[in-house]
Amino acid sequence: MSIEKNIQTVKDFFAAIGRGDREALLALVAEDIEWIIPGEDWPLAGTRHGHAGLADLLETASKSIETTTEPREFVAQGDRVFVVGFARGKIKATNKTFEDDWIFAITVRDGRLTNIREYVDTQALARAALMGPDGPL
C-alpha cells in the first residue's frame, strides 16, 4: 500500500478510538495484531496479541482511565507510521488528572495495523496513579 493509504488507515484507527467504535477498530487491525505498552505496575502496560488482546486492552482502559487523545502529526516511511500526539485525562482510581505527550509507532500491512508500540509519558501517568496510605495523594 502507499504511504498515503497507510496514514489514512492510521487516521481511521484513531477516529474509531475517539468514537468508541469497536467494530471499526477490529476491521482496521490484523487478527494477529501485537500492541505493546512498555512499563510495569500499570494496568495498561504489557503486550497484547490478537483481537482478544485488543478487546482486553480497551476494557482495561475503560475501567482505569478517562482520556481524550489528539493525534497531531503523522510521519510515514514504507509500512511504518509514527503518530505524535497529546492526551489529557484522569485516572479513575485516584481521580487525578494527567497530560501526556506520546508517540505511537505503528506498522501497517495490507491495509491493517499489525503492530503498535506506544511511547507515553510514564512519569505523568505514574504521578496521576499514585495512591497514598489513606487513598489518593
C-alpha atoms as a PDB file:
ATOM      1  CA  MET A   1       0.000   0.000   0.000  1.00  0.00           C
ATOM      2  CA  SER A   2       1.043   3.577  -0.463  1.00  0.00           C
ATOM      3  CA  ILE A   3       2.311   5.741   2.366  1.00  0.00           C
ATOM      4  CA  GLU A   4      -0.769   7.951   1.983  1.00  0.00           C
ATOM      5  CA  LYS A   5      -3.101   4.951   2.377  1.00  0.00           C
ATOM      6  CA  ASN A   6      -1.166   3.756   5.424  1.00  0.00           C
ATOM      7  CA  ILE A   7      -1.510   7.189   7.032  1.00  0.00           C
ATOM      8  CA  GLN A   8      -5.238   7.228   6.255  1.00  0.00           C
ATOM      9  CA  THR A   9      -5.653   3.772   7.797  1.00  0.00           C
ATOM     10  CA  VAL A  10      -3.969   5.006  10.988  1.00  0.00           C
ATOM     11  CA  LYS A  11      -6.119   8.173  10.989  1.00  0.00           C
ATOM     12  CA  ASP A  12      -9.210   5.972  10.619  1.00  0.00           C
ATOM     13  CA  PHE A  13      -7.975   3.875  13.553  1.00  0.00           C
ATOM     14  CA  PHE A  14      -7.664   6.928  15.817  1.00  0.00           C
ATOM     15  CA  ALA A  15     -11.067   8.190  14.672  1.00  0.00           C
ATOM     16  CA  ALA A  16     -12.594   4.819  15.607  1.00  0.00           C
ATOM     17  CA  ILE A  17     -10.931   5.005  19.037  1.00  0.00           C
ATOM     18  CA  GLY A  18     -12.354   8.505  19.504  1.00  0.00           C
ATOM     19  CA  ARG A  19     -15.856   7.262  18.633  1.00  0.00           C
ATOM     20  CA  GLY A  20     -15.505   4.127  20.752  1.00  0.00           C
ATOM     21  CA  ASP A  21     -16.318   2.077  17.639  1.00  0.00           C
ATOM     22  CA  ARG A  22     -15.020  -1.439  18.380  1.00  0.00           C
ATOM     23  CA  GLU A  23     -16.281  -2.900  15.105  1.00  0.00           C
ATOM     24  CA  ALA A  24     -14.367  -0.308  13.088  1.00  0.00           C
ATOM     25  CA  LEU A  25     -11.257  -0.929  15.219  1.00  0.00           C
ATOM     26  CA  LEU A  26     -11.400  -4.661  14.616  1.00  0.00           C
ATOM     27  CA  ALA A  27     -11.830  -4.076  10.883  1.00  0.00           C
ATOM     28  CA  LEU A  28      -8.672  -1.929  10.850  1.00  0.00           C
ATOM     29  CA  VAL A  29      -6.351  -4.280  12.756  1.00  0.00           C
ATOM     30  CA  ALA A  30      -4.914  -7.624  11.724  1.00  0.00           C
ATOM     31  CA  GLU A  31      -6.188 -10.702  13.531  1.00  0.00           C
ATOM     32  CA  ASP A  32      -2.682 -11.220  14.930  1.00  0.00           C
ATOM     33  CA  ILE A  33      -2.117  -7.577  15.962  1.00  0.00           C
ATOM     34  CA  GLU A  34       0.540  -7.010  18.607  1.00  0.00           C
ATOM     35  CA  TRP A  35       0.092  -3.943  20.859  1.00  0.00           C
ATOM     36  CA  ILE A  36       2.971  -3.123  23.198  1.00  0.00           C
ATOM     37  CA  ILE A  37       2.794  -0.619  26.047  1.00  0.00           C
ATOM     38  CA  PRO A  38       6.130  -0.638  27.885  1.00  0.00           C
ATOM     39  CA  GLY A  39       6.178  -0.441  31.659  1.00  0.00           C
ATOM     40  CA  GLU A  40       5.401  -2.259  34.876  1.00  0.00           C
ATOM     41  CA  ASP A  41       2.861  -1.905  37.655  1.00  0.00           C
ATOM     42  CA  TRP A  42       0.428  -0.119  35.346  1.00  0.00           C
ATOM     43  CA  PRO A  43      -2.821  -1.785  34.266  1.00  0.00           C
ATOM     44  CA  LEU A  44      -2.293  -0.910  30.596  1.00  0.00           C
ATOM     45  CA  ALA A  45       1.373  -1.967  30.402  1.00  0.00           C
ATOM     46  CA  GLY A  46       2.250  -5.161  28.633  1.00  0.00           C
ATOM     47  CA  THR A  47       1.996  -6.878  25.285  1.00  0.00           C
ATOM     48  CA  ARG A  48      -1.361  -7.908  23.916  1.00  0.00           C
ATOM     49  CA  HIS A  49      -1.987 -10.107  20.911  1.00  0.00           C
ATOM     50  CA  GLY A  50      -4.883 -10.521  18.518  1.00  0.00           C
ATOM     51  CA  HIS A  51      -8.418  -9.250  18.635  1.00  0.00           C
ATOM     52  CA  ALA A  52      -8.881 -10.739  22.125  1.00  0.00           C
ATOM     53  CA  GLY A  53      -5.845  -8.800  23.363  1.00  0.00           C
ATOM     54  CA  LEU A  54      -7.176  -5.604  21.796  1.00  0.00           C
ATOM     55  CA  ALA A  55     -10.559  -6.162  23.463  1.00  0.00           C
ATOM     56  CA  ASP A  56      -8.797  -6.746  26.808  1.00  0.00           C
ATOM     57  CA  LEU A  57      -6.781  -3.543  26.427  1.00  0.00           C
ATOM     58  CA  LEU A  58      -9.868  -1.484  25.594  1.00  0.00           C
ATOM     59  CA  GLU A  59     -11.776  -2.993  28.534  1.00  0.00           C
ATOM     60  CA  THR A  60      -8.887  -2.331  30.942  1.00  0.00           C
ATOM     61  CA  ALA A  61      -8.514   1.222  29.648  1.00  0.00           C
ATOM     62  CA  SER A  62     -12.224   1.983  30.031  1.00  0.00           C
ATOM     63  CA  LYS A  63     -12.118   0.760  33.650  1.00  0.00           C
ATOM     64  CA  SER A  64      -8.939   2.631  34.624  1.00  0.00           C
ATOM     65  CA  ILE A  65      -8.787   5.939  32.775  1.00  0.00           C
ATOM     66  CA  GLU A  66     -10.849   8.635  31.141  1.00  0.00           C
ATOM     67  CA  THR A  67      -8.925  10.253  28.322  1.00  0.00           C
ATOM     68  CA  THR A  68      -9.138  12.328  25.192  1.00  0.00           C
ATOM     69  CA  THR A  69      -6.469  11.620  22.617  1.00  0.00           C
ATOM     70  CA  GLU A  70      -5.334  14.074  19.989  1.00  0.00           C
ATOM     71  CA  PRO A  71      -3.074  12.761  17.220  1.00  0.00           C
ATOM     72  CA  ARG A  72      -1.218  15.817  15.928  1.00  0.00           C
ATOM     73  CA  GLU A  73       1.358  14.635  13.414  1.00  0.00           C
ATOM     74  CA  PHE A  74       1.688  11.609  11.136  1.00  0.00           C
ATOM     75  CA  VAL A  75       5.108  10.665   9.751  1.00  0.00           C
ATOM     76  CA  ALA A  76       5.433   7.645   7.494  1.00  0.00           C
ATOM     77  CA  GLN A  77       8.046   5.648   5.655  1.00  0.00           C
ATOM     78  CA  GLY A  78       7.262   2.355   3.985  1.00  0.00           C
ATOM     79  CA  ASP A  79       4.871   0.353   6.155  1.00  0.00           C
ATOM     80  CA  ARG A  80       5.650   2.365   9.323  1.00  0.00           C
ATOM     81  CA  VAL A  81       3.585   5.293  10.561  1.00  0.00           C
ATOM     82  CA  PHE A  82       4.666   7.327  13.553  1.00  0.00           C
ATOM     83  CA  VAL A  83       1.989   9.384  15.254  1.00  0.00           C
ATOM     84  CA  VAL A  84       2.890  12.224  17.601  1.00  0.00           C
ATOM     85  CA  GLY A  85       0.070  13.229  19.871  1.00  0.00           C
ATOM     86  CA  PHE A  86      -1.239  14.518  23.142  1.00  0.00           C
ATOM     87  CA  ALA A  87      -3.670  13.093  25.679  1.00  0.00           C
ATOM     88  CA  ARG A  88      -5.417  14.595  28.643  1.00  0.00           C
ATOM     89  CA  GLY A  89      -7.289  12.516  31.135  1.00  0.00           C
ATOM     90  CA  LYS A  90      -7.972  11.230  34.602  1.00  0.00           C
ATOM     91  CA  ILE A  91      -7.035   8.074  36.472  1.00  0.00           C
ATOM     92  CA  LYS A  92     -10.310   6.757  37.849  1.00  0.00           C
ATOM     93  CA  ALA A  93      -8.825   5.120  40.979  1.00  0.00           C
ATOM     94  CA  THR A  94      -7.238   8.362  42.195  1.00  0.00           C
ATOM     95  CA  ASN A  95      -9.385  10.953  40.443  1.00  0.00           C
ATOM     96  CA  LYS A  96      -6.113  12.690  39.477  1.00  0.00           C
ATOM     97  CA  THR A  97      -5.647  14.290  36.083  1.00  0.00           C
ATOM     98  CA  PHE A  98      -2.713  13.932  33.704  1.00  0.00           C
ATOM     99  CA  GLU A  99      -1.361  15.378  30.484  1.00  0.00           C
ATOM    100  CA  ASP A 100       0.628  13.055  28.273  1.00  0.00           C
ATOM    101  CA  ASP A 101       2.710  13.670  25.163  1.00  0.00           C
ATOM    102  CA  TRP A 102       3.010  10.390  23.279  1.00  0.00           C
ATOM    103  CA  ILE A 103       4.242   8.669  20.146  1.00  0.00           C
ATOM    104  CA  PHE A 104       2.776   5.551  18.578  1.00  0.00           C
ATOM    105  CA  ALA A 105       4.984   3.520  16.226  1.00  0.00           C
ATOM    106  CA  ILE A 106       2.573   1.590  14.011  1.00  0.00           C
ATOM    107  CA  THR A 107       3.140  -0.987  11.276  1.00  0.00           C
ATOM    108  CA  VAL A 108       0.502  -1.246   8.545  1.00  0.00           C
ATOM    109  CA  ARG A 109       0.415  -4.189   6.151  1.00  0.00           C
ATOM    110  CA  ASP A 110      -2.249  -4.895   3.551  1.00  0.00           C
ATOM    111  CA  GLY A 111      -4.434  -2.105   4.923  1.00  0.00           C
ATOM    112  CA  ARG A 112      -4.422  -3.307   8.537  1.00  0.00           C
ATOM    113  CA  LEU A 113      -2.459  -2.399  11.628  1.00  0.00           C
ATOM    114  CA  THR A 114      -0.199  -5.311  12.567  1.00  0.00           C
ATOM    115  CA  ASN A 115       1.905  -3.783  15.343  1.00  0.00           C
ATOM    116  CA  ILE A 116       1.525  -0.840  17.721  1.00  0.00           C
ATOM    117  CA  ARG A 117       4.139   0.265  20.202  1.00  0.00           C
ATOM    118  CA  GLU A 118       3.252   3.161  22.472  1.00  0.00           C
ATOM    119  CA  TYR A 119       5.739   5.579  23.942  1.00  0.00           C
ATOM    120  CA  VAL A 120       3.973   7.592  26.636  1.00  0.00           C
ATOM    121  CA  ASP A 121       4.906   9.969  29.438  1.00  0.00           C
ATOM    122  CA  THR A 122       5.096   7.277  32.088  1.00  0.00           C
ATOM    123  CA  GLN A 123       6.044   9.790  34.793  1.00  0.00           C
ATOM    124  CA  ALA A 124       2.882  11.831  34.235  1.00  0.00           C
ATOM    125  CA  LEU A 125       0.756   8.699  34.348  1.00  0.00           C
ATOM    126  CA  ALA A 126       2.563   7.333  37.410  1.00  0.00           C
ATOM    127  CA  ARG A 127       2.053  10.611  39.297  1.00  0.00           C
ATOM    128  CA  ALA A 128      -1.658  10.564  38.471  1.00  0.00           C
ATOM    129  CA  ALA A 129      -1.953   6.918  39.551  1.00  0.00           C
ATOM    130  CA  LEU A 130      -0.044   7.380  42.829  1.00  0.00           C
ATOM    131  CA  MET A 131      -2.025   6.415  45.879  1.00  0.00           C
ATOM    132  CA  GLY A 132      -1.222   7.495  49.405  1.00  0.00           C
ATOM    133  CA  PRO A 133      -1.706   5.349  52.547  1.00  0.00           C
ATOM    134  CA  ASP A 134      -5.199   6.789  53.007  1.00  0.00           C
ATOM    135  CA  GLY A 135      -6.123   6.876  49.333  1.00  0.00           C
ATOM    136  CA  PRO A 136      -5.228   9.332  46.568  1.00  0.00           C
ATOM    137  CA  LEU A 137      -2.500  11.850  47.380  1.00  0.00           C
END
